[in-house]
Amino acid sequence: LVQVTAFADDPTQATPLPMKIGREVNLNIFTADWMLGE
């Protein structure tokens, strides 16, 4: 399971930012050996 999160640069470092795999960050998944389940 791969989870990516991001937080804005503020004093609390607690403001979440969009960080979706496939948009803000991408991974070159090797689909011949791995399959993403629902």
Full PDB file with SEQRES, HELIX, SHEET, SSBOND, CRYST1, ORIGX, SCALE, CONECT and MASTER records, all heavy atoms in Angstrom:
SEQRES   1 A   38  LEU VAL GLN VAL THR ALA PHE ALA ASP ASP PRO THR GLN          
SEQRES   2 A   38  ALA THR PRO LEU PRO MET LYS ILE GLY ARG GLU VAL ASN          
SEQRES   3 A   38  LEU ASN ILE PHE THR ALA ASP TRP MET LEU GLY GLU              
SHEET    1 AA1 2 ALA A   6  PHE A   7  0                                        
SHEET    2 AA1 2 PRO A  16  LEU A  17 -1                                        
CRYST1    1.000    1.000    1.000  90.00  90.00  90.00 P 1           1          
ORIGX1      1.000000  0.000000  0.000000        0.00000                         
ORIGX2      0.000000  1.000000  0.000000        0.00000                         
ORIGX3      0.000000  0.000000  1.000000        0.00000                         
SCALE1      1.000000  0.000000  0.000000        0.00000                         
SCALE2      0.000000  1.000000  0.000000        0.00000                         
SCALE3      0.000000  0.000000  1.000000        0.00000                         
ATOM      1  N   LEU A   1       0.859  -1.181   0.000  1.00  0.00           N  
ATOM      2  CA  LEU A   1       0.000   0.000   0.000  1.00  0.00           C  
ATOM      3  C   LEU A   1       0.896   1.231   0.000  1.00  0.00           C  
ATOM      4  O   LEU A   1       1.785   1.356   0.846  1.00  0.00           O  
ATOM      5  CB  LEU A   1      -0.903   0.005   1.234  1.00  0.00           C  
ATOM      6  CG  LEU A   1      -1.873   1.180   1.362  1.00  0.00           C  
ATOM      7  CD1 LEU A   1      -2.916   1.149   0.251  1.00  0.00           C  
ATOM      8  CD2 LEU A   1      -2.545   1.174   2.732  1.00  0.00           C  
ATOM      9  N   VAL A   2       0.683   2.119  -0.966  1.00  0.00           N  
ATOM     10  CA  VAL A   2       1.476   3.342  -1.080  1.00  0.00           C  
ATOM     11  C   VAL A   2       0.555   4.532  -0.845  1.00  0.00           C  
ATOM     12  O   VAL A   2      -0.464   4.686  -1.528  1.00  0.00           O  
ATOM     13  CB  VAL A   2       2.140   3.460  -2.463  1.00  0.00           C  
ATOM     14  CG1 VAL A   2       3.007   4.719  -2.537  1.00  0.00           C  
ATOM     15  CG2 VAL A   2       2.978   2.215  -2.764  1.00  0.00           C  
ATOM     16  N   GLN A   3       0.900   5.358   0.121  1.00  0.00           N  
ATOM     17  CA  GLN A   3       0.111   6.540   0.441  1.00  0.00           C  
ATOM     18  C   GLN A   3       1.006   7.776   0.423  1.00  0.00           C  
ATOM     19  O   GLN A   3       2.095   7.763   1.008  1.00  0.00           O  
ATOM     20  CB  GLN A   3      -0.553   6.389   1.811  1.00  0.00           C  
ATOM     21  CG  GLN A   3      -1.559   5.244   1.880  1.00  0.00           C  
ATOM     22  CD  GLN A   3      -2.151   5.057   3.265  1.00  0.00           C  
ATOM     23  OE1 GLN A   3      -1.435   5.031   4.247  1.00  0.00           O  
ATOM     24  NE2 GLN A   3      -3.466   4.926   3.335  1.00  0.00           N  
ATOM     25  N   VAL A   4       0.553   8.813  -0.253  1.00  0.00           N  
ATOM     26  CA  VAL A   4       1.319  10.056  -0.366  1.00  0.00           C  
ATOM     27  C   VAL A   4       0.478  11.194   0.198  1.00  0.00           C  
ATOM     28  O   VAL A   4      -0.691  11.355  -0.157  1.00  0.00           O  
ATOM     29  CB  VAL A   4       1.691  10.350  -1.829  1.00  0.00           C  
ATOM     30  CG1 VAL A   4       2.610  11.571  -1.903  1.00  0.00           C  
ATOM     31  CG2 VAL A   4       2.375   9.142  -2.462  1.00  0.00           C  
ATOM     32  N   THR A   5       1.071  11.968   1.081  1.00  0.00           N  
ATOM     33  CA  THR A   5       0.389  13.128   1.656  1.00  0.00           C  
ATOM     34  C   THR A   5       1.313  14.337   1.585  1.00  0.00           C  
ATOM     35  O   THR A   5       2.537  14.200   1.464  1.00  0.00           O  
ATOM     36  CB  THR A   5      -0.014  12.885   3.116  1.00  0.00           C  
ATOM     37  OG1 THR A   5       1.150  12.495   3.871  1.00  0.00           O  
ATOM     38  CG2 THR A   5      -1.068  11.786   3.215  1.00  0.00           C  
ATOM     39  N   ALA A   6       0.725  15.521   1.663  1.00  0.00           N  
ATOM     40  CA  ALA A   6       1.514  16.759   1.652  1.00  0.00           C  
ATOM     41  C   ALA A   6       0.851  17.777   2.567  1.00  0.00           C  
ATOM     42  O   ALA A   6      -0.382  17.788   2.722  1.00  0.00           O  
ATOM     43  CB  ALA A   6       1.631  17.314   0.239  1.00  0.00           C  
ATOM     44  N   PHE A   7       1.679  18.626   3.181  1.00  0.00           N  
ATOM     45  CA  PHE A   7       1.182  19.648   4.099  1.00  0.00           C  
ATOM     46  C   PHE A   7       1.846  20.976   3.767  1.00  0.00           C  
ATOM     47  O   PHE A   7       3.040  21.037   3.466  1.00  0.00           O  
ATOM     48  CB  PHE A   7       1.473  19.253   5.545  1.00  0.00           C  
ATOM     49  CG  PHE A   7       0.791  17.975   5.964  1.00  0.00           C  
ATOM     50  CD1 PHE A   7       1.439  16.756   5.818  1.00  0.00           C  
ATOM     51  CD2 PHE A   7      -0.496  17.995   6.463  1.00  0.00           C  
ATOM     52  CE1 PHE A   7       0.812  15.575   6.181  1.00  0.00           C  
ATOM     53  CE2 PHE A   7      -1.129  16.824   6.830  1.00  0.00           C  
ATOM     54  CZ  PHE A   7      -0.477  15.617   6.686  1.00  0.00           C  
ATOM     55  N   ALA A   8       1.056  22.042   3.835  1.00  0.00           N  
ATOM     56  CA  ALA A   8       1.545  23.368   3.497  1.00  0.00           C  
ATOM     57  C   ALA A   8       2.583  23.846   4.504  1.00  0.00           C  
ATOM     58  O   ALA A   8       2.643  23.376   5.648  1.00  0.00           O  
ATOM     59  CB  ALA A   8       0.371  24.344   3.437  1.00  0.00           C  
ATOM     60  N   ASP A   9       3.387  24.788   4.068  1.00  0.00           N  
ATOM     61  CA  ASP A   9       4.422  25.359   4.929  1.00  0.00           C  
ATOM     62  C   ASP A   9       3.789  26.435   5.810  1.00  0.00           C  
ATOM     63  O   ASP A   9       3.749  27.613   5.472  1.00  0.00           O  
ATOM     64  CB  ASP A   9       5.534  25.966   4.074  1.00  0.00           C  
ATOM     65  CG  ASP A   9       6.636  26.572   4.915  1.00  0.00           C  
ATOM     66  OD1 ASP A   9       6.886  26.053   6.020  1.00  0.00           O  
ATOM     67  OD2 ASP A   9       7.233  27.575   4.474  1.00  0.00           O  
ATOM     68  N   ASP A  10       3.256  25.995   6.956  1.00  0.00           N  
ATOM     69  CA  ASP A  10       2.704  26.938   7.918  1.00  0.00           C  
ATOM     70  C   ASP A  10       3.248  26.577   9.304  1.00  0.00           C  
ATOM     71  O   ASP A  10       3.912  25.549   9.458  1.00  0.00           O  
ATOM     72  CB  ASP A  10       1.177  26.934   7.897  1.00  0.00           C  
ATOM     73  CG  ASP A  10       0.582  25.567   8.175  1.00  0.00           C  
ATOM     74  OD1 ASP A  10       1.152  24.813   8.989  1.00  0.00           O  
ATOM     75  OD2 ASP A  10      -0.450  25.230   7.571  1.00  0.00           O  
ATOM     76  N   PRO A  11       3.011  27.396  10.319  1.00  0.00           N  
ATOM     77  CA  PRO A  11       3.613  27.120  11.641  1.00  0.00           C  
ATOM     78  C   PRO A  11       3.265  25.758  12.212  1.00  0.00           C  
ATOM     79  O   PRO A  11       4.063  25.163  12.930  1.00  0.00           O  
ATOM     80  CB  PRO A  11       3.037  28.251  12.512  1.00  0.00           C  
ATOM     81  CG  PRO A  11       2.777  29.362  11.557  1.00  0.00           C  
ATOM     82  CD  PRO A  11       2.315  28.697  10.293  1.00  0.00           C  
ATOM     83  N   THR A  12       2.094  25.229  11.890  1.00  0.00           N  
ATOM     84  CA  THR A  12       1.691  23.940  12.467  1.00  0.00           C  
ATOM     85  C   THR A  12       2.010  22.760  11.569  1.00  0.00           C  
ATOM     86  O   THR A  12       1.987  21.610  12.011  1.00  0.00           O  
ATOM     87  CB  THR A  12       0.178  23.936  12.743  1.00  0.00           C  
ATOM     88  OG1 THR A  12      -0.536  24.079  11.495  1.00  0.00           O  
ATOM     89  CG2 THR A  12      -0.200  25.080  13.680  1.00  0.00           C  
ATOM     90  N   GLN A  13       2.323  23.035  10.302  1.00  0.00           N  
ATOM     91  CA  GLN A  13       2.574  21.962   9.328  1.00  0.00           C  
ATOM     92  C   GLN A  13       1.405  20.964   9.305  1.00  0.00           C  
ATOM     93  O   GLN A  13       1.590  19.762   9.178  1.00  0.00           O  
ATOM     94  CB  GLN A  13       3.877  21.229   9.647  1.00  0.00           C  
ATOM     95  CG  GLN A  13       5.122  22.040   9.377  1.00  0.00           C  
ATOM     96  CD  GLN A  13       5.438  22.156   7.891  1.00  0.00           C  
ATOM     97  OE1 GLN A  13       5.643  21.162   7.210  1.00  0.00           O  
ATOM     98  NE2 GLN A  13       5.480  23.375   7.389  1.00  0.00           N  
ATOM     99  N   ALA A  14       0.179  21.480   9.463  1.00  0.00           N  
ATOM    100  CA  ALA A  14      -0.981  20.606   9.581  1.00  0.00           C  
ATOM    101  C   ALA A  14      -2.042  20.867   8.514  1.00  0.00           C  
ATOM    102  O   ALA A  14      -3.111  20.278   8.557  1.00  0.00           O  
ATOM    103  CB  ALA A  14      -1.617  20.758  10.967  1.00  0.00           C  
ATOM    104  N   THR A  15      -1.775  21.777   7.574  1.00  0.00           N  
ATOM    105  CA  THR A  15      -2.738  22.058   6.518  1.00  0.00           C  
ATOM    106  C   THR A  15      -2.507  21.121   5.344  1.00  0.00           C  
ATOM    107  O   THR A  15      -1.495  21.228   4.652  1.00  0.00           O  
ATOM    108  CB  THR A  15      -2.617  23.522   6.046  1.00  0.00           C  
ATOM    109  OG1 THR A  15      -2.776  24.401   7.157  1.00  0.00           O  
ATOM    110  CG2 THR A  15      -3.664  23.824   4.988  1.00  0.00           C  
ATOM    111  N   PRO A  16      -3.415  20.161   5.093  1.00  0.00           N  
ATOM    112  CA  PRO A  16      -3.189  19.199   4.020  1.00  0.00           C  
ATOM    113  C   PRO A  16      -3.337  19.833   2.643  1.00  0.00           C  
ATOM    114  O   PRO A  16      -4.124  20.760   2.437  1.00  0.00           O  
ATOM    115  CB  PRO A  16      -4.266  18.146   4.264  1.00  0.00           C  
ATOM    116  CG  PRO A  16      -5.358  18.870   4.979  1.00  0.00           C  
ATOM    117  CD  PRO A  16      -4.671  19.905   5.827  1.00  0.00           C  
ATOM    118  N   LEU A  17      -2.566  19.310   1.704  1.00  0.00           N  
ATOM    119  CA  LEU A  17      -2.628  19.725   0.313  1.00  0.00           C  
ATOM    120  C   LEU A  17      -2.968  18.514  -0.544  1.00  0.00           C  
ATOM    121  O   LEU A  17      -2.642  17.380  -0.182  1.00  0.00           O  
ATOM    122  CB  LEU A  17      -1.281  20.303  -0.143  1.00  0.00           C  
ATOM    123  CG  LEU A  17      -0.821  21.601   0.514  1.00  0.00           C  
ATOM    124  CD1 LEU A  17       0.615  21.910   0.098  1.00  0.00           C  
ATOM    125  CD2 LEU A  17      -1.753  22.756   0.142  1.00  0.00           C  
ATOM    126  N   PRO A  18      -3.621  18.718  -1.688  1.00  0.00           N  
ATOM    127  CA  PRO A  18      -3.879  17.586  -2.579  1.00  0.00           C  
ATOM    128  C   PRO A  18      -2.576  16.908  -2.984  1.00  0.00           C  
ATOM    129  O   PRO A  18      -1.613  17.588  -3.367  1.00  0.00           O  
ATOM    130  CB  PRO A  18      -4.567  18.240  -3.780  1.00  0.00           C  
ATOM    131  CG  PRO A  18      -5.152  19.515  -3.252  1.00  0.00           C  
ATOM    132  CD  PRO A  18      -4.185  19.985  -2.204  1.00  0.00           C  
ATOM    133  N   MET A  19      -2.517  15.605  -2.872  1.00  0.00           N  
ATOM    134  CA  MET A  19      -1.324  14.854  -3.277  1.00  0.00           C  
ATOM    135  C   MET A  19      -1.781  13.466  -3.736  1.00  0.00           C  
ATOM    136  O   MET A  19      -1.662  12.482  -3.023  1.00  0.00           O  
ATOM    137  CB  MET A  19      -0.327  14.759  -2.114  1.00  0.00           C  
ATOM    138  CG  MET A  19       1.021  14.128  -2.482  1.00  0.00           C  
ATOM    139  SD  MET A  19       1.866  14.906  -3.862  1.00  0.00           S  
ATOM    140  CE  MET A  19       2.265  16.529  -3.207  1.00  0.00           C  
ATOM    141  N   LYS A  20      -2.368  13.449  -4.912  1.00  0.00           N  
ATOM    142  CA  LYS A  20      -2.935  12.224  -5.448  1.00  0.00           C  
ATOM    143  C   LYS A  20      -1.962  11.561  -6.407  1.00  0.00           C  
ATOM    144  O   LYS A  20      -1.360  12.227  -7.263  1.00  0.00           O  
ATOM    145  CB  LYS A  20      -4.250  12.520  -6.173  1.00  0.00           C  
ATOM    146  CG  LYS A  20      -4.943  11.290  -6.727  1.00  0.00           C  
ATOM    147  CD  LYS A  20      -6.254  11.670  -7.400  1.00  0.00           C  
ATOM    148  CE  LYS A  20      -6.943  10.437  -7.962  1.00  0.00           C  
ATOM    149  NZ  LYS A  20      -8.223  10.800  -8.632  1.00  0.00           N  
ATOM    150  N   ILE A  21      -1.797  10.243  -6.249  1.00  0.00           N  
ATOM    151  CA  ILE A  21      -0.976   9.497  -7.194  1.00  0.00           C  
ATOM    152  C   ILE A  21      -1.667   9.512  -8.549  1.00  0.00           C  
ATOM    153  O   ILE A  21      -2.845   9.176  -8.667  1.00  0.00           O  
ATOM    154  CB  ILE A  21      -0.765   8.045  -6.708  1.00  0.00           C  
ATOM    155  CG1 ILE A  21       0.024   8.034  -5.391  1.00  0.00           C  
ATOM    156  CG2 ILE A  21      -0.039   7.220  -7.756  1.00  0.00           C  
ATOM    157  CD1 ILE A  21       0.186   6.669  -4.782  1.00  0.00           C  
ATOM    158  N   GLY A  22      -0.934   9.931  -9.553  1.00  0.00           N  
ATOM    159  CA  GLY A  22      -1.503  10.076 -10.878  1.00  0.00           C  
ATOM    160  C   GLY A  22      -1.734  11.522 -11.266  1.00  0.00           C  
ATOM    161  O   GLY A  22      -2.032  11.828 -12.421  1.00  0.00           O  
ATOM    162  N   ARG A  23      -1.573  12.433 -10.299  1.00  0.00           N  
ATOM    163  CA  ARG A  23      -1.700  13.867 -10.589  1.00  0.00           C  
ATOM    164  C   ARG A  23      -0.547  14.650  -9.976  1.00  0.00           C  
ATOM    165  O   ARG A  23       0.387  15.024 -10.665  1.00  0.00           O  
ATOM    166  CB  ARG A  23      -3.042  14.406 -10.091  1.00  0.00           C  
ATOM    167  CG  ARG A  23      -3.199  15.912 -10.338  1.00  0.00           C  
ATOM    168  CD  ARG A  23      -4.594  16.420 -10.040  1.00  0.00           C  
ATOM    169  NE  ARG A  23      -4.638  17.880 -10.037  1.00  0.00           N  
ATOM    170  CZ  ARG A  23      -4.675  18.630 -11.126  1.00  0.00           C  
ATOM    171  NH1 ARG A  23      -4.661  18.054 -12.315  1.00  0.00           N  
ATOM    172  NH2 ARG A  23      -4.712  19.952 -11.027  1.00  0.00           N  
ATOM    173  N   GLU A  24      -0.599  14.899  -8.653  1.00  0.00           N  
ATOM    174  CA  GLU A  24       0.487  15.672  -8.018  1.00  0.00           C  
ATOM    175  C   GLU A  24       1.787  14.885  -7.963  1.00  0.00           C  
ATOM    176  O   GLU A  24       2.872  15.460  -7.898  1.00  0.00           O  
ATOM    177  CB  GLU A  24       0.074  16.099  -6.608  1.00  0.00           C  
ATOM    178  CG  GLU A  24      -0.936  17.243  -6.558  1.00  0.00           C  
ATOM    179  CD  GLU A  24      -2.350  16.771  -6.811  1.00  0.00           C  
ATOM    180  OE1 GLU A  24      -2.604  15.542  -6.712  1.00  0.00           O  
ATOM    181  OE2 GLU A  24      -3.214  17.617  -7.090  1.00  0.00           O  
ATOM    182  N   VAL A  25       1.685  13.569  -7.950  1.00  0.00           N  
ATOM    183  CA  VAL A  25       2.879  12.717  -7.971  1.00  0.00           C  
ATOM    184  C   VAL A  25       2.537  11.457  -8.764  1.00  0.00           C  
ATOM    185  O   VAL A  25       1.395  10.982  -8.737  1.00  0.00           O  
ATOM    186  CB  VAL A  25       3.333  12.362  -6.530  1.00  0.00           C  
ATOM    187  CG1 VAL A  25       2.279  11.534  -5.807  1.00  0.00           C  
ATOM    188  CG2 VAL A  25       4.653  11.632  -6.536  1.00  0.00           C  
ATOM    189  N   ASN A  26       3.512  10.943  -9.503  1.00  0.00           N  
ATOM    190  CA  ASN A  26       3.305   9.753 -10.317  1.00  0.00           C  
ATOM    191  C   ASN A  26       4.360   8.699  -9.986  1.00  0.00           C  
ATOM    192  O   ASN A  26       5.506   9.030  -9.648  1.00  0.00           O  
ATOM    193  CB  ASN A  26       3.377  10.097 -11.810  1.00  0.00           C  
ATOM    194  CG  ASN A  26       2.242  10.984 -12.255  1.00  0.00           C  
ATOM    195  OD1 ASN A  26       1.127  10.524 -12.480  1.00  0.00           O  
ATOM    196  ND2 ASN A  26       2.519  12.282 -12.379  1.00  0.00           N  
ATOM    197  N   LEU A  27       3.972   7.440 -10.097  1.00  0.00           N  
ATOM    198  CA  LEU A  27       4.865   6.312  -9.874  1.00  0.00           C  
ATOM    199  C   LEU A  27       4.844   5.450 -11.130  1.00  0.00           C  
ATOM    200  O   LEU A  27       3.779   5.159 -11.672  1.00  0.00           O  
ATOM    201  CB  LEU A  27       4.407   5.478  -8.672  1.00  0.00           C  
ATOM    202  CG  LEU A  27       4.127   6.235  -7.375  1.00  0.00           C  
ATOM    203  CD1 LEU A  27       3.509   5.300  -6.346  1.00  0.00           C  
ATOM    204  CD2 LEU A  27       5.393   6.876  -6.833  1.00  0.00           C  
ATOM    205  N   ASN A  28       6.029   5.029 -11.586  1.00  0.00           N  
ATOM    206  CA  ASN A  28       6.064   4.193 -12.796  1.00  0.00           C  
ATOM    207  C   ASN A  28       5.819   2.729 -12.415  1.00  0.00           C  
ATOM    208  O   ASN A  28       6.720   1.907 -12.342  1.00  0.00           O  
ATOM    209  CB  ASN A  28       7.397   4.357 -13.533  1.00  0.00           C  
ATOM    210  CG  ASN A  28       8.590   3.844 -12.742  1.00  0.00           C  
ATOM    211  OD1 ASN A  28       8.597   3.907 -11.521  1.00  0.00           O  
ATOM    212  ND2 ASN A  28       9.589   3.320 -13.443  1.00  0.00           N  
ATOM    213  N   ILE A  29       4.569   2.390 -12.164  1.00  0.00           N  
ATOM    214  CA  ILE A  29       4.200   1.059 -11.692  1.00  0.00           C  
ATOM    215  C   ILE A  29       4.480   0.008 -12.763  1.00  0.00           C  
ATOM    216  O   ILE A  29       4.131   0.188 -13.938  1.00  0.00           O  
ATOM    217  CB  ILE A  29       2.715   1.010 -11.298  1.00  0.00           C  
ATOM    218  CG1 ILE A  29       2.409   2.049 -10.210  1.00  0.00           C  
ATOM    219  CG2 ILE A  29       2.317  -0.380 -10.842  1.00  0.00           C  
ATOM    220  CD1 ILE A  29       3.119   1.815  -8.908  1.00  0.00           C  
ATOM    221  N   PHE A  30       5.101  -1.108 -12.359  1.00  0.00           N  
ATOM    222  CA  PHE A  30       5.362  -2.223 -13.261  1.00  0.00           C  
ATOM    223  C   PHE A  30       4.154  -3.158 -13.231  1.00  0.00           C  
ATOM    224  O   PHE A  30       4.065  -4.067 -12.412  1.00  0.00           O  
ATOM    225  CB  PHE A  30       6.652  -2.942 -12.856  1.00  0.00           C  
ATOM    226  CG  PHE A  30       7.889  -2.143 -13.139  1.00  0.00           C  
ATOM    227  CD1 PHE A  30       8.377  -1.238 -12.209  1.00  0.00           C  
ATOM    228  CD2 PHE A  30       8.557  -2.267 -14.344  1.00  0.00           C  
ATOM    229  CE1 PHE A  30       9.508  -0.483 -12.460  1.00  0.00           C  
ATOM    230  CE2 PHE A  30       9.697  -1.518 -14.624  1.00  0.00           C  
ATOM    231  CZ  PHE A  30      10.170  -0.621 -13.678  1.00  0.00           C  
ATOM    232  N   THR A  31       3.234  -2.928 -14.171  1.00  0.00           N  
ATOM    233  CA  THR A  31       1.961  -3.637 -14.160  1.00  0.00           C  
ATOM    234  C   THR A  31       2.063  -5.085 -14.632  1.00  0.00           C  
ATOM    235  O   THR A  31       1.091  -5.836 -14.497  1.00  0.00           O  
ATOM    236  CB  THR A  31       0.941  -2.887 -15.037  1.00  0.00           C  
ATOM    237  OG1 THR A  31       1.484  -2.725 -16.366  1.00  0.00           O  
ATOM    238  CG2 THR A  31       0.644  -1.509 -14.451  1.00  0.00           C  
ATOM    239  N   ALA A  32       3.200  -5.488 -15.185  1.00  0.00           N  
ATOM    240  CA  ALA A  32       3.351  -6.887 -15.595  1.00  0.00           C  
ATOM    241  C   ALA A  32       3.452  -7.804 -14.378  1.00  0.00           C  
ATOM    242  O   ALA A  32       3.117  -8.990 -14.460  1.00  0.00           O  
ATOM    243  CB  ALA A  32       4.584  -7.051 -16.481  1.00  0.00           C  
ATOM    244  N   ASP A  33       3.916  -7.262 -13.254  1.00  0.00           N  
ATOM    245  CA  ASP A  33       4.132  -8.065 -12.049  1.00  0.00           C  
ATOM    246  C   ASP A  33       3.217  -7.687 -10.894  1.00  0.00           C  
ATOM    247  O   ASP A  33       3.061  -8.472  -9.955  1.00  0.00           O  
ATOM    248  CB  ASP A  33       5.591  -7.929 -11.592  1.00  0.00           C  
ATOM    249  CG  ASP A  33       6.574  -8.357 -12.660  1.00  0.00           C  
ATOM    250  OD1 ASP A  33       6.558  -9.544 -13.031  1.00  0.00           O  
ATOM    251  OD2 ASP A  33       7.352  -7.501 -13.123  1.00  0.00           O  
ATOM    252  N   TRP A  34       2.625  -6.502 -10.950  1.00  0.00           N  
ATOM    253  CA  TRP A  34       1.786  -6.021  -9.860  1.00  0.00           C  
ATOM    254  C   TRP A  34       0.450  -5.537 -10.418  1.00  0.00           C  
ATOM    255  O   TRP A  34       0.381  -5.003 -11.518  1.00  0.00           O  
ATOM    256  CB  TRP A  34       2.461  -4.867  -9.121  1.00  0.00           C  
ATOM    257  CG  TRP A  34       3.758  -5.222  -8.471  1.00  0.00           C  
ATOM    258  CD1 TRP A  34       4.992  -5.275  -9.062  1.00  0.00           C  
ATOM    259  CD2 TRP A  34       3.964  -5.574  -7.102  1.00  0.00           C  
ATOM    260  NE1 TRP A  34       5.950  -5.629  -8.147  1.00  0.00           N  
ATOM    261  CE2 TRP A  34       5.347  -5.828  -6.932  1.00  0.00           C  
ATOM    262  CE3 TRP A  34       3.121  -5.694  -6.003  1.00  0.00           C  
ATOM    263  CZ2 TRP A  34       5.899  -6.198  -5.710  1.00  0.00           C  
ATOM    264  CZ3 TRP A  34       3.658  -6.053  -4.785  1.00  0.00           C  
ATOM    265  CH2 TRP A  34       5.041  -6.301  -4.644  1.00  0.00           C  
ATOM    266  N   MET A  35      -0.602  -5.711  -9.643  1.00  0.00           N  
ATOM    267  CA  MET A  35      -1.921  -5.230 -10.055  1.00  0.00           C  
ATOM    268  C   MET A  35      -2.558  -4.452  -8.912  1.00  0.00           C  
ATOM    269  O   MET A  35      -2.531  -4.881  -7.768  1.00  0.00           O  
ATOM    270  CB  MET A  35      -2.832  -6.396 -10.462  1.00  0.00           C  
ATOM    271  CG  MET A  35      -4.232  -5.963 -10.900  1.00  0.00           C  
ATOM    272  SD  MET A  35      -5.251  -7.321 -11.559  1.00  0.00           S  
ATOM    273  CE  MET A  35      -4.437  -7.573 -13.150  1.00  0.00           C  
ATOM    274  N   LEU A  36      -3.118  -3.304  -9.265  1.00  0.00           N  
ATOM    275  CA  LEU A  36      -3.801  -2.463  -8.285  1.00  0.00           C  
ATOM    276  C   LEU A  36      -5.213  -2.956  -8.081  1.00  0.00           C  
ATOM    277  O   LEU A  36      -6.008  -3.043  -9.023  1.00  0.00           O  
ATOM    278  CB  LEU A  36      -3.812  -1.009  -8.758  1.00  0.00           C  
ATOM    279  CG  LEU A  36      -4.552   0.001  -7.875  1.00  0.00           C  
ATOM    280  CD1 LEU A  36      -3.916   0.098  -6.498  1.00  0.00           C  
ATOM    281  CD2 LEU A  36      -4.580   1.373  -8.552  1.00  0.00           C  
ATOM    282  N   GLY A  37      -5.550  -3.303  -6.844  1.00  0.00           N  
ATOM    283  CA  GLY A  37      -6.905  -3.736  -6.536  1.00  0.00           C  
ATOM    284  C   GLY A  37      -7.801  -2.559  -6.210  1.00  0.00           C  
ATOM    285  O   GLY A  37      -7.326  -1.449  -5.938  1.00  0.00           O  
ATOM    286  N   GLU A  38      -9.095  -2.809  -6.234  1.00  0.00           N  
ATOM    287  CA  GLU A  38     -10.053  -1.759  -5.916  1.00  0.00           C  
ATOM    288  C   GLU A  38      -9.956  -1.311  -4.467  1.00  0.00           C  
ATOM    289  O   GLU A  38     -10.517  -0.270  -4.105  1.00  0.00           O  
ATOM    290  CB  GLU A  38     -11.479  -2.249  -6.207  1.00  0.00           C  
ATOM    291  CG  GLU A  38     -11.821  -2.359  -7.688  1.00  0.00           C  
ATOM    292  CD  GLU A  38     -11.295  -3.630  -8.342  1.00  0.00           C  
ATOM    293  OE1 GLU A  38     -10.705  -4.489  -7.622  1.00  0.00           O  
ATOM    294  OE2 GLU A  38     -11.470  -3.777  -9.558  1.00  0.00           O  
TER     295      GLU A  38                                                      
MASTER        0    0    0    0    2    0    0    6  294    1    0    3          
END                                                                             
